[in-house]
Amino acid sequence: MLQTAVPILASLNAEETIQFYTQQMGFTFHNNWDGYLIFSRDEIQIHLWPTSDEDVPKNTGCYVNVTEVDLLYAEYQAKALIHPNGKLESKPWGMRQFSILDNNGNIIHFGEDISKRH
C-alpha cells in the first residue's frame, strides 16, 4: 500500500535554504508558502518548515535511498558538503551511505542498497 514518504525538515532562513538546496545540492525549488519550502530532485521531494529555534534542525534528519551513491558522493564531495563523520562507507546492514549537513543543521543520509551485490 505505502509507496513514498516526504521528509519535512526544519529551515532557519528560507532564502538561504533555497540557495543551498538549489545551488549546492542540485534540487529544484517549487514553492515557498510563508516559509514552507518544497524541493525535488529526481524522484524525491524534501519539504522544510520555518522555525527560529536553532536546536530543532540540529536534532532532525532524514534518510534518502538512492542509486549510484558513489556518483552522488563525488558530486557533493566536490562541493565540500560531506559531514566529517559521514564519509562514504559500506555498512554491515547492507547499505553504502554517506551523510551531509544542510545549511540549517539537518543531517541527511544518502544510501544505496548493496545487500544483493556479490
PDB file of N, CA and C in Angstrom:
ATOM      1  N   MET A   1       0.801  -1.209   0.000  1.00  0.00           N
ATOM      2  CA  MET A   1       0.000   0.000   0.000  1.00  0.00           C
ATOM      3  C   MET A   1       0.845   1.276   0.000  1.00  0.00           C
ATOM      4  N   LEU A   2       1.767   1.394   0.949  1.00  0.00           N
ATOM      5  CA  LEU A   2       2.565   2.606   1.053  1.00  0.00           C
ATOM      6  C   LEU A   2       3.570   2.658  -0.094  1.00  0.00           C
ATOM      7  N   GLN A   3       3.805   3.863  -0.626  1.00  0.00           N
ATOM      8  CA  GLN A   3       4.709   3.979  -1.756  1.00  0.00           C
ATOM      9  C   GLN A   3       5.893   4.897  -1.495  1.00  0.00           C
ATOM     10  N   THR A   4       5.662   6.105  -1.053  1.00  0.00           N
ATOM     11  CA  THR A   4       6.756   7.035  -0.804  1.00  0.00           C
ATOM     12  C   THR A   4       6.466   7.838   0.451  1.00  0.00           C
ATOM     13  N   ALA A   5       7.495   8.454   0.975  1.00  0.00           N
ATOM     14  CA  ALA A   5       7.357   9.365   2.107  1.00  0.00           C
ATOM     15  C   ALA A   5       8.142  10.624   1.783  1.00  0.00           C
ATOM     16  N   VAL A   6       7.690  11.742   2.302  1.00  0.00           N
ATOM     17  CA  VAL A   6       8.354  13.018   2.067  1.00  0.00           C
ATOM     18  C   VAL A   6       8.871  13.537   3.402  1.00  0.00           C
ATOM     19  N   PRO A   7      10.196  13.644   3.547  1.00  0.00           N
ATOM     20  CA  PRO A   7      10.721  14.211   4.788  1.00  0.00           C
ATOM     21  C   PRO A   7      10.385  15.690   4.884  1.00  0.00           C
ATOM     22  N   ILE A   8      10.066  16.125   6.095  1.00  0.00           N
ATOM     23  CA  ILE A   8       9.805  17.540   6.360  1.00  0.00           C
ATOM     24  C   ILE A   8      10.810  17.975   7.423  1.00  0.00           C
ATOM     25  N   LEU A   9      11.806  18.742   6.986  1.00  0.00           N
ATOM     26  CA  LEU A   9      12.893  19.193   7.845  1.00  0.00           C
ATOM     27  C   LEU A   9      12.662  20.641   8.265  1.00  0.00           C
ATOM     28  N   ALA A  10      13.484  21.135   9.155  1.00  0.00           N
ATOM     29  CA  ALA A  10      13.354  22.496   9.671  1.00  0.00           C
ATOM     30  C   ALA A  10      14.258  23.460   8.904  1.00  0.00           C
ATOM     31  N   SER A  11      13.760  24.658   8.663  1.00  0.00           N
ATOM     32  CA  SER A  11      14.521  25.706   7.980  1.00  0.00           C
ATOM     33  C   SER A  11      14.594  26.944   8.862  1.00  0.00           C
ATOM     34  N   LEU A  12      15.807  27.463   9.036  1.00  0.00           N
ATOM     35  CA  LEU A  12      16.005  28.669   9.840  1.00  0.00           C
ATOM     36  C   LEU A  12      15.898  29.946   9.016  1.00  0.00           C
ATOM     37  N   ASN A  13      16.113  29.854   7.703  1.00  0.00           N
ATOM     38  CA  ASN A  13      16.078  31.031   6.839  1.00  0.00           C
ATOM     39  C   ASN A  13      15.700  30.562   5.430  1.00  0.00           C
ATOM     40  N   ALA A  14      14.534  30.989   4.955  1.00  0.00           N
ATOM     41  CA  ALA A  14      14.016  30.495   3.671  1.00  0.00           C
ATOM     42  C   ALA A  14      14.951  30.814   2.514  1.00  0.00           C
ATOM     43  N   GLU A  15      15.418  32.038   2.405  1.00  0.00           N
ATOM     44  CA  GLU A  15      16.249  32.409   1.258  1.00  0.00           C
ATOM     45  C   GLU A  15      17.569  31.657   1.247  1.00  0.00           C
ATOM     46  N   GLU A  16      18.204  31.523   2.401  1.00  0.00           N
ATOM     47  CA  GLU A  16      19.465  30.774   2.481  1.00  0.00           C
ATOM     48  C   GLU A  16      19.244  29.295   2.163  1.00  0.00           C
ATOM     49  N   THR A  17      18.114  28.766   2.597  1.00  0.00           N
ATOM     50  CA  THR A  17      17.801  27.362   2.336  1.00  0.00           C
ATOM     51  C   THR A  17      17.533  27.132   0.856  1.00  0.00           C
ATOM     52  N   ILE A  18      16.804  28.027   0.234  1.00  0.00           N
ATOM     53  CA  ILE A  18      16.550  27.919  -1.210  1.00  0.00           C
ATOM     54  C   ILE A  18      17.876  27.924  -1.969  1.00  0.00           C
ATOM     55  N   GLN A  19      18.751  28.833  -1.615  1.00  0.00           N
ATOM     56  CA  GLN A  19      20.051  28.927  -2.278  1.00  0.00           C
ATOM     57  C   GLN A  19      20.859  27.641  -2.071  1.00  0.00           C
ATOM     58  N   PHE A  20      20.902  27.134  -0.853  1.00  0.00           N
ATOM     59  CA  PHE A  20      21.686  25.934  -0.554  1.00  0.00           C
ATOM     60  C   PHE A  20      21.160  24.725  -1.320  1.00  0.00           C
ATOM     61  N   TYR A  21      19.852  24.485  -1.246  1.00  0.00           N
ATOM     62  CA  TYR A  21      19.299  23.288  -1.879  1.00  0.00           C
ATOM     63  C   TYR A  21      19.380  23.347  -3.403  1.00  0.00           C
ATOM     64  N   THR A  22      19.265  24.521  -3.991  1.00  0.00           N
ATOM     65  CA  THR A  22      19.328  24.611  -5.451  1.00  0.00           C
ATOM     66  C   THR A  22      20.767  24.672  -5.947  1.00  0.00           C
ATOM     67  N   GLN A  23      21.599  25.508  -5.347  1.00  0.00           N
ATOM     68  CA  GLN A  23      22.954  25.706  -5.854  1.00  0.00           C
ATOM     69  C   GLN A  23      23.944  24.655  -5.374  1.00  0.00           C
ATOM     70  N   GLN A  24      23.798  24.181  -4.152  1.00  0.00           N
ATOM     71  CA  GLN A  24      24.751  23.220  -3.608  1.00  0.00           C
ATOM     72  C   GLN A  24      24.305  21.768  -3.802  1.00  0.00           C
ATOM     73  N   MET A  25      23.016  21.508  -3.602  1.00  0.00           N
ATOM     74  CA  MET A  25      22.535  20.123  -3.621  1.00  0.00           C
ATOM     75  C   MET A  25      21.882  19.718  -4.942  1.00  0.00           C
ATOM     76  N   GLY A  26      21.663  20.655  -5.844  1.00  0.00           N
ATOM     77  CA  GLY A  26      21.119  20.312  -7.152  1.00  0.00           C
ATOM     78  C   GLY A  26      19.636  20.010  -7.166  1.00  0.00           C
ATOM     79  N   PHE A  27      18.896  20.522  -6.196  1.00  0.00           N
ATOM     80  CA  PHE A  27      17.455  20.326  -6.145  1.00  0.00           C
ATOM     81  C   PHE A  27      16.741  21.422  -6.927  1.00  0.00           C
ATOM     82  N   THR A  28      15.525  21.130  -7.352  1.00  0.00           N
ATOM     83  CA  THR A  28      14.656  22.112  -7.995  1.00  0.00           C
ATOM     84  C   THR A  28      13.742  22.701  -6.927  1.00  0.00           C
ATOM     85  N   PHE A  29      13.662  24.015  -6.880  1.00  0.00           N
ATOM     86  CA  PHE A  29      12.781  24.710  -5.935  1.00  0.00           C
ATOM     87  C   PHE A  29      11.406  24.853  -6.568  1.00  0.00           C
ATOM     88  N   HIS A  30      10.363  24.537  -5.802  1.00  0.00           N
ATOM     89  CA  HIS A  30       8.999  24.607  -6.322  1.00  0.00           C
ATOM     90  C   HIS A  30       8.162  25.714  -5.703  1.00  0.00           C
ATOM     91  N   ASN A  31       8.121  25.778  -4.370  1.00  0.00           N
ATOM     92  CA  ASN A  31       7.220  26.734  -3.732  1.00  0.00           C
ATOM     93  C   ASN A  31       7.744  27.201  -2.387  1.00  0.00           C
ATOM     94  N   ASN A  32       7.318  28.412  -2.020  1.00  0.00           N
ATOM     95  CA  ASN A  32       7.574  28.974  -0.704  1.00  0.00           C
ATOM     96  C   ASN A  32       6.255  29.562  -0.215  1.00  0.00           C
ATOM     97  N   TRP A  33       5.596  28.843   0.680  1.00  0.00           N
ATOM     98  CA  TRP A  33       4.352  29.324   1.264  1.00  0.00           C
ATOM     99  C   TRP A  33       4.639  29.772   2.695  1.00  0.00           C
ATOM    100  N   ASP A  34       4.839  31.064   2.867  1.00  0.00           N
ATOM    101  CA  ASP A  34       5.119  31.628   4.188  1.00  0.00           C
ATOM    102  C   ASP A  34       6.261  30.895   4.888  1.00  0.00           C
ATOM    103  N   GLY A  35       7.308  30.567   4.131  1.00  0.00           N
ATOM    104  CA  GLY A  35       8.472  29.902   4.694  1.00  0.00           C
ATOM    105  C   GLY A  35       8.462  28.398   4.589  1.00  0.00           C
ATOM    106  N   TYR A  36       7.333  27.792   4.193  1.00  0.00           N
ATOM    107  CA  TYR A  36       7.258  26.346   3.966  1.00  0.00           C
ATOM    108  C   TYR A  36       7.764  26.090   2.556  1.00  0.00           C
ATOM    109  N   LEU A  37       8.883  25.369   2.450  1.00  0.00           N
ATOM    110  CA  LEU A  37       9.591  25.216   1.180  1.00  0.00           C
ATOM    111  C   LEU A  37       9.434  23.807   0.630  1.00  0.00           C
ATOM    112  N   ILE A  38       9.331  23.721  -0.701  1.00  0.00           N
ATOM    113  CA  ILE A  38       9.219  22.421  -1.367  1.00  0.00           C
ATOM    114  C   ILE A  38      10.283  22.322  -2.453  1.00  0.00           C
ATOM    115  N   PHE A  39      11.064  21.228  -2.390  1.00  0.00           N
ATOM    116  CA  PHE A  39      12.123  20.952  -3.348  1.00  0.00           C
ATOM    117  C   PHE A  39      11.958  19.536  -3.889  1.00  0.00           C
ATOM    118  N   SER A  40      12.556  19.296  -5.062  1.00  0.00           N
ATOM    119  CA  SER A  40      12.616  17.931  -5.580  1.00  0.00           C
ATOM    120  C   SER A  40      13.926  17.732  -6.327  1.00  0.00           C
ATOM    121  N   ARG A  41      14.300  16.477  -6.405  1.00  0.00           N
ATOM    122  CA  ARG A  41      15.416  16.060  -7.254  1.00  0.00           C
ATOM    123  C   ARG A  41      15.131  14.621  -7.649  1.00  0.00           C
ATOM    124  N   ASP A  42      15.178  14.362  -8.940  1.00  0.00           N
ATOM    125  CA  ASP A  42      14.852  13.044  -9.472  1.00  0.00           C
ATOM    126  C   ASP A  42      13.473  12.630  -8.950  1.00  0.00           C
ATOM    127  N   GLU A  43      13.401  11.538  -8.198  1.00  0.00           N
ATOM    128  CA  GLU A  43      12.100  11.012  -7.772  1.00  0.00           C
ATOM    129  C   GLU A  43      11.722  11.369  -6.336  1.00  0.00           C
ATOM    130  N   ILE A  44      12.521  12.208  -5.673  1.00  0.00           N
ATOM    131  CA  ILE A  44      12.191  12.503  -4.272  1.00  0.00           C
ATOM    132  C   ILE A  44      11.848  13.977  -4.076  1.00  0.00           C
ATOM    133  N   GLN A  45      11.141  14.226  -3.010  1.00  0.00           N
ATOM    134  CA  GLN A  45      10.848  15.585  -2.559  1.00  0.00           C
ATOM    135  C   GLN A  45      11.378  15.738  -1.140  1.00  0.00           C
ATOM    136  N   ILE A  46      11.774  16.950  -0.815  1.00  0.00           N
ATOM    137  CA  ILE A  46      12.079  17.326   0.564  1.00  0.00           C
ATOM    138  C   ILE A  46      11.337  18.622   0.826  1.00  0.00           C
ATOM    139  N   HIS A  47      10.610  18.668   1.937  1.00  0.00           N
ATOM    140  CA  HIS A  47       9.916  19.874   2.371  1.00  0.00           C
ATOM    141  C   HIS A  47      10.634  20.414   3.607  1.00  0.00           C
ATOM    142  N   LEU A  48      10.580  21.709   3.798  1.00  0.00           N
ATOM    143  CA  LEU A  48      11.126  22.318   5.006  1.00  0.00           C
ATOM    144  C   LEU A  48      10.130  23.315   5.569  1.00  0.00           C
ATOM    145  N   TRP A  49       9.982  23.314   6.872  1.00  0.00           N
ATOM    146  CA  TRP A  49       9.075  24.242   7.541  1.00  0.00           C
ATOM    147  C   TRP A  49       9.898  25.274   8.309  1.00  0.00           C
ATOM    148  N   PRO A  50       9.358  26.479   8.476  1.00  0.00           N
ATOM    149  CA  PRO A  50      10.129  27.542   9.126  1.00  0.00           C
ATOM    150  C   PRO A  50      10.146  27.418  10.649  1.00  0.00           C
ATOM    151  N   THR A  51      11.326  27.672  11.215  1.00  0.00           N
ATOM    152  CA  THR A  51      11.466  27.746  12.664  1.00  0.00           C
ATOM    153  C   THR A  51      12.568  28.749  12.991  1.00  0.00           C
ATOM    154  N   SER A  52      12.489  29.336  14.163  1.00  0.00           N
ATOM    155  CA  SER A  52      13.570  30.202  14.625  1.00  0.00           C
ATOM    156  C   SER A  52      14.374  29.523  15.729  1.00  0.00           C
ATOM    157  N   ASP A  53      13.982  28.298  16.094  1.00  0.00           N
ATOM    158  CA  ASP A  53      14.661  27.535  17.142  1.00  0.00           C
ATOM    159  C   ASP A  53      15.818  26.758  16.523  1.00  0.00           C
ATOM    160  N   GLU A  54      17.046  27.208  16.754  1.00  0.00           N
ATOM    161  CA  GLU A  54      18.231  26.592  16.147  1.00  0.00           C
ATOM    162  C   GLU A  54      18.469  25.163  16.607  1.00  0.00           C
ATOM    163  N   ASP A  55      17.871  24.750  17.727  1.00  0.00           N
ATOM    164  CA  ASP A  55      18.055  23.385  18.207  1.00  0.00           C
ATOM    165  C   ASP A  55      17.261  22.365  17.395  1.00  0.00           C
ATOM    166  N   VAL A  56      16.179  22.795  16.751  1.00  0.00           N
ATOM    167  CA  VAL A  56      15.329  21.840  16.016  1.00  0.00           C
ATOM    168  C   VAL A  56      16.091  21.160  14.887  1.00  0.00           C
ATOM    169  N   PRO A  57      16.702  21.903  13.938  1.00  0.00           N
ATOM    170  CA  PRO A  57      17.401  21.196  12.859  1.00  0.00           C
ATOM    171  C   PRO A  57      18.623  20.402  13.335  1.00  0.00           C
ATOM    172  N   LYS A  58      19.211  20.785  14.438  1.00  0.00           N
ATOM    173  CA  LYS A  58      20.352  20.035  14.973  1.00  0.00           C
ATOM    174  C   LYS A  58      19.929  18.645  15.451  1.00  0.00           C
ATOM    175  N   ASN A  59      18.638  18.444  15.627  1.00  0.00           N
ATOM    176  CA  ASN A  59      18.097  17.178  16.107  1.00  0.00           C
ATOM    177  C   ASN A  59      17.163  16.530  15.087  1.00  0.00           C
ATOM    178  N   THR A  60      17.278  16.949  13.828  1.00  0.00           N
ATOM    179  CA  THR A  60      16.381  16.466  12.784  1.00  0.00           C
ATOM    180  C   THR A  60      17.183  15.968  11.597  1.00  0.00           C
ATOM    181  N   GLY A  61      16.643  14.979  10.923  1.00  0.00           N
ATOM    182  CA  GLY A  61      17.310  14.480   9.731  1.00  0.00           C
ATOM    183  C   GLY A  61      16.428  13.523   8.969  1.00  0.00           C
ATOM    184  N   CYS A  62      16.977  12.980   7.893  1.00  0.00           N
ATOM    185  CA  CYS A  62      16.243  12.004   7.103  1.00  0.00           C
ATOM    186  C   CYS A  62      17.222  11.095   6.379  1.00  0.00           C
ATOM    187  N   TYR A  63      16.698  10.017   5.840  1.00  0.00           N
ATOM    188  CA  TYR A  63      17.470   9.048   5.077  1.00  0.00           C
ATOM    189  C   TYR A  63      16.868   8.978   3.692  1.00  0.00           C
ATOM    190  N   VAL A  64      17.701   9.160   2.661  1.00  0.00           N
ATOM    191  CA  VAL A  64      17.246   9.141   1.276  1.00  0.00           C
ATOM    192  C   VAL A  64      17.865   7.934   0.582  1.00  0.00           C
ATOM    193  N   ASN A  65      17.032   7.034   0.102  1.00  0.00           N
ATOM    194  CA  ASN A  65      17.514   5.888  -0.667  1.00  0.00           C
ATOM    195  C   ASN A  65      17.828   6.345  -2.079  1.00  0.00           C
ATOM    196  N   VAL A  66      19.002   5.961  -2.580  1.00  0.00           N
ATOM    197  CA  VAL A  66      19.458   6.409  -3.887  1.00  0.00           C
ATOM    198  C   VAL A  66      20.029   5.234  -4.683  1.00  0.00           C
ATOM    199  N   THR A  67      20.246   5.475  -5.956  1.00  0.00           N
ATOM    200  CA  THR A  67      21.056   4.603  -6.791  1.00  0.00           C
ATOM    201  C   THR A  67      22.303   5.398  -7.143  1.00  0.00           C
ATOM    202  N   GLU A  68      23.353   4.722  -7.525  1.00  0.00           N
ATOM    203  CA  GLU A  68      24.607   5.380  -7.907  1.00  0.00           C
ATOM    204  C   GLU A  68      25.127   6.317  -6.809  1.00  0.00           C
ATOM    205  N   VAL A  69      25.167   5.797  -5.598  1.00  0.00           N
ATOM    206  CA  VAL A  69      25.590   6.595  -4.439  1.00  0.00           C
ATOM    207  C   VAL A  69      27.008   7.127  -4.607  1.00  0.00           C
ATOM    208  N   ASP A  70      27.867   6.373  -5.299  1.00  0.00           N
ATOM    209  CA  ASP A  70      29.245   6.835  -5.483  1.00  0.00           C
ATOM    210  C   ASP A  70      29.298   8.109  -6.325  1.00  0.00           C
ATOM    211  N   LEU A  71      28.451   8.207  -7.336  1.00  0.00           N
ATOM    212  CA  LEU A  71      28.397   9.416  -8.166  1.00  0.00           C
ATOM    213  C   LEU A  71      27.878  10.610  -7.374  1.00  0.00           C
ATOM    214  N   LEU A  72      26.826  10.391  -6.579  1.00  0.00           N
ATOM    215  CA  LEU A  72      26.278  11.475  -5.761  1.00  0.00           C
ATOM    216  C   LEU A  72      27.308  11.925  -4.728  1.00  0.00           C
ATOM    217  N   TYR A  73      28.004  10.976  -4.137  1.00  0.00           N
ATOM    218  CA  TYR A  73      29.052  11.303  -3.173  1.00  0.00           C
ATOM    219  C   TYR A  73      30.121  12.181  -3.818  1.00  0.00           C
ATOM    220  N   ALA A  74      30.567  11.809  -5.011  1.00  0.00           N
ATOM    221  CA  ALA A  74      31.592  12.593  -5.711  1.00  0.00           C
ATOM    222  C   ALA A  74      31.096  14.008  -5.987  1.00  0.00           C
ATOM    223  N   GLU A  75      29.826  14.134  -6.378  1.00  0.00           N
ATOM    224  CA  GLU A  75      29.240  15.456  -6.641  1.00  0.00           C
ATOM    225  C   GLU A  75      29.249  16.316  -5.385  1.00  0.00           C
ATOM    226  N   TYR A  76      28.809  15.754  -4.272  1.00  0.00           N
ATOM    227  CA  TYR A  76      28.728  16.515  -3.030  1.00  0.00           C
ATOM    228  C   TYR A  76      30.098  16.711  -2.384  1.00  0.00           C
ATOM    229  N   GLN A  77      31.005  15.764  -2.581  1.00  0.00           N
ATOM    230  CA  GLN A  77      32.358  15.906  -2.053  1.00  0.00           C
ATOM    231  C   GLN A  77      33.070  17.077  -2.736  1.00  0.00           C
ATOM    232  N   ALA A  78      32.846  17.237  -4.033  1.00  0.00           N
ATOM    233  CA  ALA A  78      33.466  18.338  -4.776  1.00  0.00           C
ATOM    234  C   ALA A  78      32.980  19.693  -4.267  1.00  0.00           C
ATOM    235  N   LYS A  79      31.819  19.723  -3.627  1.00  0.00           N
ATOM    236  CA  LYS A  79      31.268  20.958  -3.069  1.00  0.00           C
ATOM    237  C   LYS A  79      31.500  21.058  -1.567  1.00  0.00           C
ATOM    238  N   ALA A  80      32.309  20.152  -1.031  1.00  0.00           N
ATOM    239  CA  ALA A  80      32.657  20.130   0.395  1.00  0.00           C
ATOM    240  C   ALA A  80      31.419  20.046   1.288  1.00  0.00           C
ATOM    241  N   LEU A  81      30.460  19.224   0.910  1.00  0.00           N
ATOM    242  CA  LEU A  81      29.224  19.091   1.679  1.00  0.00           C
ATOM    243  C   LEU A  81      29.232  17.895   2.637  1.00  0.00           C
ATOM    244  N   ILE A  82      30.208  17.007   2.513  1.00  0.00           N
ATOM    245  CA  ILE A  82      30.200  15.769   3.291  1.00  0.00           C
ATOM    246  C   ILE A  82      30.461  16.054   4.770  1.00  0.00           C
ATOM    247  N   HIS A  83      29.628  15.479   5.621  1.00  0.00           N
ATOM    248  CA  HIS A  83      29.806  15.597   7.072  1.00  0.00           C
ATOM    249  C   HIS A  83      31.141  14.931   7.442  1.00  0.00           C
ATOM    250  N   PRO A  84      31.923  15.542   8.351  1.00  0.00           N
ATOM    251  CA  PRO A  84      33.224  14.954   8.719  1.00  0.00           C
ATOM    252  C   PRO A  84      33.125  13.503   9.189  1.00  0.00           C
ATOM    253  N   ASN A  85      32.030  13.137   9.830  1.00  0.00           N
ATOM    254  CA  ASN A  85      31.842  11.761  10.294  1.00  0.00           C
ATOM    255  C   ASN A  85      30.935  10.972   9.357  1.00  0.00           C
ATOM    256  N   GLY A  86      30.694  11.493   8.147  1.00  0.00           N
ATOM    257  CA  GLY A  86      29.740  10.860   7.244  1.00  0.00           C
ATOM    258  C   GLY A  86      30.312  10.463   5.905  1.00  0.00           C
ATOM    259  N   LYS A  87      31.585  10.110   5.876  1.00  0.00           N
ATOM    260  CA  LYS A  87      32.209   9.721   4.612  1.00  0.00           C
ATOM    261  C   LYS A  87      31.567   8.445   4.058  1.00  0.00           C
ATOM    262  N   LEU A  88      31.670   8.243   2.772  1.00  0.00           N
ATOM    263  CA  LEU A  88      31.068   7.104   2.089  1.00  0.00           C
ATOM    264  C   LEU A  88      31.638   5.789   2.614  1.00  0.00           C
ATOM    265  N   GLU A  89      30.728   4.903   3.055  1.00  0.00           N
ATOM    266  CA  GLU A  89      31.122   3.606   3.593  1.00  0.00           C
ATOM    267  C   GLU A  89      30.065   2.564   3.268  1.00  0.00           C
ATOM    268  N   SER A  90      30.510   1.343   3.131  1.00  0.00           N
ATOM    269  CA  SER A  90      29.586   0.209   3.051  1.00  0.00           C
ATOM    270  C   SER A  90      29.328  -0.260   4.476  1.00  0.00           C
ATOM    271  N   LYS A  91      28.067  -0.270   4.872  1.00  0.00           N
ATOM    272  CA  LYS A  91      27.682  -0.579   6.251  1.00  0.00           C
ATOM    273  C   LYS A  91      27.300  -2.051   6.392  1.00  0.00           C
ATOM    274  N   PRO A  92      27.414  -2.599   7.606  1.00  0.00           N
ATOM    275  CA  PRO A  92      27.091  -4.012   7.821  1.00  0.00           C
ATOM    276  C   PRO A  92      25.618  -4.340   7.580  1.00  0.00           C
ATOM    277  N   TRP A  93      24.748  -3.346   7.563  1.00  0.00           N
ATOM    278  CA  TRP A  93      23.325  -3.599   7.332  1.00  0.00           C
ATOM    279  C   TRP A  93      22.966  -3.560   5.848  1.00  0.00           C
ATOM    280  N   GLY A  94      23.994  -3.569   4.976  1.00  0.00           N
ATOM    281  CA  GLY A  94      23.743  -3.713   3.550  1.00  0.00           C
ATOM    282  C   GLY A  94      23.513  -2.425   2.792  1.00  0.00           C
ATOM    283  N   MET A  95      23.918  -1.302   3.361  1.00  0.00           N
ATOM    284  CA  MET A  95      23.779  -0.018   2.685  1.00  0.00           C
ATOM    285  C   MET A  95      25.158   0.604   2.494  1.00  0.00           C
ATOM    286  N   ARG A  96      25.350   1.230   1.345  1.00  0.00           N
ATOM    287  CA  ARG A  96      26.549   2.049   1.090  1.00  0.00           C
ATOM    288  C   ARG A  96      26.059   3.474   1.215  1.00  0.00           C
ATOM    289  N   GLN A  97      26.584   4.229   2.183  1.00  0.00           N
ATOM    290  CA  GLN A  97      25.975   5.516   2.501  1.00  0.00           C
ATOM    291  C   GLN A  97      26.988   6.569   2.911  1.00  0.00           C
ATOM    292  N   PHE A  98      26.511   7.825   2.861  1.00  0.00           N
ATOM    293  CA  PHE A  98      27.258   8.972   3.359  1.00  0.00           C
ATOM    294  C   PHE A  98      26.261   9.976   3.905  1.00  0.00           C
ATOM    295  N   SER A  99      26.782  11.004   4.578  1.00  0.00           N
ATOM    296  CA  SER A  99      25.923  11.984   5.228  1.00  0.00           C
ATOM    297  C   SER A  99      26.409  13.400   4.968  1.00  0.00           C
ATOM    298  N   ILE A 100      25.449  14.322   4.934  1.00  0.00           N
ATOM    299  CA  ILE A 100      25.756  15.750   4.859  1.00  0.00           C
ATOM    300  C   ILE A 100      24.936  16.474   5.913  1.00  0.00           C
ATOM    301  N   LEU A 101      25.353  17.699   6.228  1.00  0.00           N
ATOM    302  CA  LEU A 101      24.526  18.622   7.000  1.00  0.00           C
ATOM    303  C   LEU A 101      24.088  19.710   6.034  1.00  0.00           C
ATOM    304  N   ASP A 102      22.790  20.029   6.039  1.00  0.00           N
ATOM    305  CA  ASP A 102      22.360  21.143   5.196  1.00  0.00           C
ATOM    306  C   ASP A 102      22.691  22.458   5.892  1.00  0.00           C
ATOM    307  N   ASN A 103      22.342  23.564   5.277  1.00  0.00           N
ATOM    308  CA  ASN A 103      22.684  24.882   5.816  1.00  0.00           C
ATOM    309  C   ASN A 103      22.004  25.175   7.151  1.00  0.00           C
ATOM    310  N   ASN A 104      20.981  24.430   7.506  1.00  0.00           N
ATOM    311  CA  ASN A 104      20.268  24.640   8.761  1.00  0.00           C
ATOM    312  C   ASN A 104      20.793  23.766   9.891  1.00  0.00           C
ATOM    313  N   GLY A 105      21.508  22.691   9.532  1.00  0.00           N
ATOM    314  CA  GLY A 105      21.991  21.742  10.517  1.00  0.00           C
ATOM    315  C   GLY A 105      21.271  20.411  10.494  1.00  0.00           C
ATOM    316  N   ASN A 106      20.293  20.230   9.589  1.00  0.00           N
ATOM    317  CA  ASN A 106      19.642  18.932   9.422  1.00  0.00           C
ATOM    318  C   ASN A 106      20.644  17.946   8.843  1.00  0.00           C
ATOM    319  N   ILE A 107      20.673  16.731   9.369  1.00  0.00           N
ATOM    320  CA  ILE A 107      21.535  15.709   8.773  1.00  0.00           C
ATOM    321  C   ILE A 107      20.728  14.935   7.733  1.00  0.00           C
ATOM    322  N   ILE A 108      21.335  14.715   6.587  1.00  0.00           N
ATOM    323  CA  ILE A 108      20.702  13.938   5.526  1.00  0.00           C
ATOM    324  C   ILE A 108      21.656  12.814   5.153  1.00  0.00           C
ATOM    325  N   HIS A 109      21.172  11.591   5.289  1.00  0.00           N
ATOM    326  CA  HIS A 109      21.934  10.409   4.918  1.00  0.00           C
ATOM    327  C   HIS A 109      21.462   9.964   3.540  1.00  0.00           C
ATOM    328  N   PHE A 110      22.395   9.623   2.667  1.00  0.00           N
ATOM    329  CA  PHE A 110      22.088   9.102   1.342  1.00  0.00           C
ATOM    330  C   PHE A 110      22.648   7.692   1.273  1.00  0.00           C
ATOM    331  N   GLY A 111      21.814   6.711   0.935  1.00  0.00           N
ATOM    332  CA  GLY A 111      22.279   5.342   0.920  1.00  0.00           C
ATOM    333  C   GLY A 111      21.743   4.524  -0.224  1.00  0.00           C
ATOM    334  N   GLU A 112      22.593   3.599  -0.684  1.00  0.00           N
ATOM    335  CA  GLU A 112      22.223   2.662  -1.749  1.00  0.00           C
ATOM    336  C   GLU A 112      22.251   1.254  -1.182  1.00  0.00           C
ATOM    337  N   ASP A 113      21.228   0.484  -1.477  1.00  0.00           N
ATOM    338  CA  ASP A 113      21.129  -0.910  -1.036  1.00  0.00           C
ATOM    339  C   ASP A 113      22.153  -1.764  -1.793  1.00  0.00           C
ATOM    340  N   ILE A 114      23.108  -2.295  -1.062  1.00  0.00           N
ATOM    341  CA  ILE A 114      24.128  -3.159  -1.687  1.00  0.00           C
ATOM    342  C   ILE A 114      24.008  -4.584  -1.150  1.00  0.00           C
ATOM    343  N   SER A 115      22.928  -4.896  -0.472  1.00  0.00           N
ATOM    344  CA  SER A 115      22.791  -6.206   0.173  1.00  0.00           C
ATOM    345  C   SER A 115      22.723  -7.353  -0.824  1.00  0.00           C
ATOM    346  N   LYS A 116      22.356  -7.060  -2.058  1.00  0.00           N
ATOM    347  CA  LYS A 116      22.235  -8.132  -3.054  1.00  0.00           C
ATOM    348  C   LYS A 116      23.454  -8.223  -3.972  1.00  0.00           C
ATOM    349  N   ARG A 117      24.467  -7.394  -3.732  1.00  0.00           N
ATOM    350  CA  ARG A 117      25.711  -7.474  -4.508  1.00  0.00           C
ATOM    351  C   ARG A 117      26.492  -8.708  -4.101  1.00  0.00           C
ATOM    352  N   HIS A 118      27.212  -9.247  -5.052  1.00  0.00           N
ATOM    353  CA  HIS A 118      28.017 -10.447  -4.759  1.00  0.00           C
ATOM    354  C   HIS A 118      29.456 -10.103  -4.571  1.00  0.00           C
TER     355      HIS A 118
END
